Amino acid sequence: MNHLILQAQLLELGLVRYTPAGLMALDCCLKHESQVQEAGRPRKISLEIKAVVIGDLTKRLQSLGLGGMAQFTGFLSAQRNGRGTIFHITALDIVTTPNCSNPDRN
């Protein structure tokens, strides 16, 4: 199954574009920081991931604003050029109190 849930901060926001099917699309970059347990030891995680949202959800992403925190749900796919990975966002829930250090939420 290809399903990703990631609590992250909106780091970059591109310009609205349209797919060949006429749907709105918006590229962005997300930043995630947390601490998890790996092999019985704490590990700090910090990553940036390219993402895209398609359809009516683009307006919600824009309203989140740069620096906004949300829980993003979606799936991973290869980028159009075949190099790298892109996170396709299918849902987002705004996080009012950032809590990225809680490993149970990530």
C-alpha atoms as a PDB file:
ATOM      1  CA  MET A   1       0.000   0.000   0.000  1.00  0.00           C
ATOM      2  CA  ASN A   2       1.253   3.504  -0.829  1.00  0.00           C
ATOM      3  CA  HIS A   3      -0.126   5.818   1.874  1.00  0.00           C
ATOM      4  CA  LEU A   4       1.746   8.586   3.670  1.00  0.00           C
ATOM      5  CA  ILE A   5       0.696  10.751   6.615  1.00  0.00           C
ATOM      6  CA  LEU A   6       3.137  13.516   7.481  1.00  0.00           C
ATOM      7  CA  GLN A   7       2.897  16.399   9.915  1.00  0.00           C
ATOM      8  CA  ALA A   8       4.894  19.192   8.320  1.00  0.00           C
ATOM      9  CA  GLN A   9       5.347  22.896   7.779  1.00  0.00           C
ATOM     10  CA  LEU A  10       4.657  24.570   4.426  1.00  0.00           C
ATOM     11  CA  LEU A  11       8.117  25.763   3.376  1.00  0.00           C
ATOM     12  CA  GLU A  12       7.612  26.858  -0.252  1.00  0.00           C
ATOM     13  CA  LEU A  13       4.592  27.456  -2.452  1.00  0.00           C
ATOM     14  CA  GLY A  14       4.675  27.595  -6.243  1.00  0.00           C
ATOM     15  CA  LEU A  15       2.310  29.252  -8.679  1.00  0.00           C
ATOM     16  CA  VAL A  16      -1.042  27.736  -9.593  1.00  0.00           C
ATOM     17  CA  ARG A  17      -0.912  25.812 -12.858  1.00  0.00           C
ATOM     18  CA  TYR A  18      -3.395  23.586 -14.657  1.00  0.00           C
ATOM     19  CA  THR A  19      -3.172  19.913 -15.589  1.00  0.00           C
ATOM     20  CA  PRO A  20      -4.002  18.792 -19.147  1.00  0.00           C
ATOM     21  CA  ALA A  21      -7.420  17.813 -17.742  1.00  0.00           C
ATOM     22  CA  GLY A  22      -7.968  21.416 -16.636  1.00  0.00           C
ATOM     23  CA  LEU A  23      -7.570  20.826 -12.894  1.00  0.00           C
ATOM     24  CA  MET A  24      -5.719  23.329 -10.723  1.00  0.00           C
ATOM     25  CA  ALA A  25      -2.328  22.095  -9.473  1.00  0.00           C
ATOM     26  CA  LEU A  26       0.070  23.609  -7.001  1.00  0.00           C
ATOM     27  CA  ASP A  27       3.644  22.527  -6.295  1.00  0.00           C
ATOM     28  CA  CYS A  28       5.088  23.058  -2.833  1.00  0.00           C
ATOM     29  CA  CYS A  29       7.824  21.973  -0.473  1.00  0.00           C
ATOM     30  CA  LEU A  30       7.175  20.637   3.024  1.00  0.00           C
ATOM     31  CA  LYS A  31       9.533  20.479   6.006  1.00  0.00           C
ATOM     32  CA  HIS A  32       9.233  17.885   8.757  1.00  0.00           C
ATOM     33  CA  GLU A  33      11.189  17.694  12.025  1.00  0.00           C
ATOM     34  CA  SER A  34      10.685  15.156  14.796  1.00  0.00           C
ATOM     35  CA  GLN A  35      12.340  12.610  17.036  1.00  0.00           C
ATOM     36  CA  VAL A  36      11.639   8.895  16.663  1.00  0.00           C
ATOM     37  CA  GLN A  37      12.922   5.682  18.187  1.00  0.00           C
ATOM     38  CA  GLU A  38      15.129   3.495  16.000  1.00  0.00           C
ATOM     39  CA  ALA A  39      16.846   0.362  17.310  1.00  0.00           C
ATOM     40  CA  GLY A  40      15.977   1.455  20.841  1.00  0.00           C
ATOM     41  CA  ARG A  41      17.638   4.851  20.508  1.00  0.00           C
ATOM     42  CA  PRO A  42      16.249   8.328  19.822  1.00  0.00           C
ATOM     43  CA  ARG A  43      16.899   9.710  16.360  1.00  0.00           C
ATOM     44  CA  LYS A  44      16.265  13.258  15.176  1.00  0.00           C
ATOM     45  CA  ILE A  45      14.543  13.473  11.799  1.00  0.00           C
ATOM     46  CA  SER A  46      14.669  16.520   9.570  1.00  0.00           C
ATOM     47  CA  LEU A  47      13.588  16.376   5.948  1.00  0.00           C
ATOM     48  CA  GLU A  48      12.211  18.427   3.111  1.00  0.00           C
ATOM     49  CA  ILE A  49       9.980  16.843   0.491  1.00  0.00           C
ATOM     50  CA  LYS A  50       8.539  18.135  -2.751  1.00  0.00           C
ATOM     51  CA  ALA A  51       4.777  17.849  -2.936  1.00  0.00           C
ATOM     52  CA  VAL A  52       1.856  18.636  -5.221  1.00  0.00           C
ATOM     53  CA  VAL A  53      -1.832  19.143  -4.634  1.00  0.00           C
ATOM     54  CA  ILE A  54      -4.406  18.889  -7.431  1.00  0.00           C
ATOM     55  CA  GLY A  55      -7.995  20.140  -7.577  1.00  0.00           C
ATOM     56  CA  ASP A  56      -9.981  22.126  -5.042  1.00  0.00           C
ATOM     57  CA  LEU A  57      -7.504  21.319  -2.270  1.00  0.00           C
ATOM     58  CA  THR A  58      -5.120  23.879  -3.813  1.00  0.00           C
ATOM     59  CA  LYS A  59      -7.136  26.687  -2.228  1.00  0.00           C
ATOM     60  CA  ARG A  60      -6.827  25.128   1.254  1.00  0.00           C
ATOM     61  CA  LEU A  61      -3.093  24.779   0.802  1.00  0.00           C
ATOM     62  CA  GLN A  62      -2.796  28.421  -0.251  1.00  0.00           C
ATOM     63  CA  SER A  63      -4.832  29.540   2.759  1.00  0.00           C
ATOM     64  CA  LEU A  64      -2.488  27.605   5.072  1.00  0.00           C
ATOM     65  CA  GLY A  65       0.248  30.110   4.206  1.00  0.00           C
ATOM     66  CA  LEU A  66       4.003  29.766   4.363  1.00  0.00           C
ATOM     67  CA  GLY A  67       5.119  28.453   7.730  1.00  0.00           C
ATOM     68  CA  GLY A  68       1.718  26.901   8.417  1.00  0.00           C
ATOM     69  CA  MET A  69       1.611  23.459  10.030  1.00  0.00           C
ATOM     70  CA  ALA A  70      -0.689  20.682   8.871  1.00  0.00           C
ATOM     71  CA  GLN A  71      -1.072  16.943   8.789  1.00  0.00           C
ATOM     72  CA  PHE A  72      -0.814  15.980   5.126  1.00  0.00           C
ATOM     73  CA  THR A  73      -2.169  12.709   3.748  1.00  0.00           C
ATOM     74  CA  GLY A  74      -1.474  11.272   0.322  1.00  0.00           C
ATOM     75  CA  PHE A  75       0.791   8.988  -1.679  1.00  0.00           C
ATOM     76  CA  LEU A  76       4.270   8.960  -3.199  1.00  0.00           C
ATOM     77  CA  SER A  77       5.123   8.773  -6.889  1.00  0.00           C
ATOM     78  CA  ALA A  78       8.052   9.409  -9.200  1.00  0.00           C
ATOM     79  CA  GLN A  79       8.477  12.941 -10.493  1.00  0.00           C
ATOM     80  CA  ARG A  80       7.514  13.617 -14.085  1.00  0.00           C
ATOM     81  CA  ASN A  81      11.144  13.406 -15.218  1.00  0.00           C
ATOM     82  CA  GLY A  82      11.543  10.095 -13.382  1.00  0.00           C
ATOM     83  CA  ARG A  83      14.174  11.457 -10.984  1.00  0.00           C
ATOM     84  CA  GLY A  84      13.194  11.763  -7.375  1.00  0.00           C
ATOM     85  CA  THR A  85       9.997  11.341  -5.437  1.00  0.00           C
ATOM     86  CA  ILE A  86       6.982  13.607  -5.070  1.00  0.00           C
ATOM     87  CA  PHE A  87       4.300  13.520  -2.386  1.00  0.00           C
ATOM     88  CA  HIS A  88       0.788  13.845  -3.849  1.00  0.00           C
ATOM     89  CA  ILE A  89      -1.354  15.468  -1.161  1.00  0.00           C
ATOM     90  CA  THR A  90      -4.947  14.218  -1.079  1.00  0.00           C
ATOM     91  CA  ALA A  91      -6.015  15.676   2.301  1.00  0.00           C
ATOM     92  CA  LEU A  92      -4.764  18.145   4.868  1.00  0.00           C
ATOM     93  CA  ASP A  93      -5.759  18.970   8.412  1.00  0.00           C
ATOM     94  CA  ILE A  94      -4.430  22.208   9.879  1.00  0.00           C
ATOM     95  CA  VAL A  95      -2.426  21.785  13.092  1.00  0.00           C
ATOM     96  CA  THR A  96      -3.057  24.606  15.549  1.00  0.00           C
ATOM     97  CA  THR A  97      -0.337  23.652  18.050  1.00  0.00           C
ATOM     98  CA  PRO A  98       2.877  22.298  16.500  1.00  0.00           C
ATOM     99  CA  ASN A  99       3.909  19.092  18.220  1.00  0.00           C
ATOM    100  CA  CYS A 100       6.543  17.615  15.925  1.00  0.00           C
ATOM    101  CA  SER A 101       8.653  16.269  18.787  1.00  0.00           C
ATOM    102  CA  ASN A 102       6.011  13.725  19.836  1.00  0.00           C
ATOM    103  CA  PRO A 103       6.980  10.460  18.081  1.00  0.00           C
ATOM    104  CA  ASP A 104       3.480   9.030  18.576  1.00  0.00           C
ATOM    105  CA  ARG A 105       2.007  11.663  16.216  1.00  0.00           C
ATOM    106  CA  ASN A 106       4.454  11.054  13.335  1.00  0.00           C
END
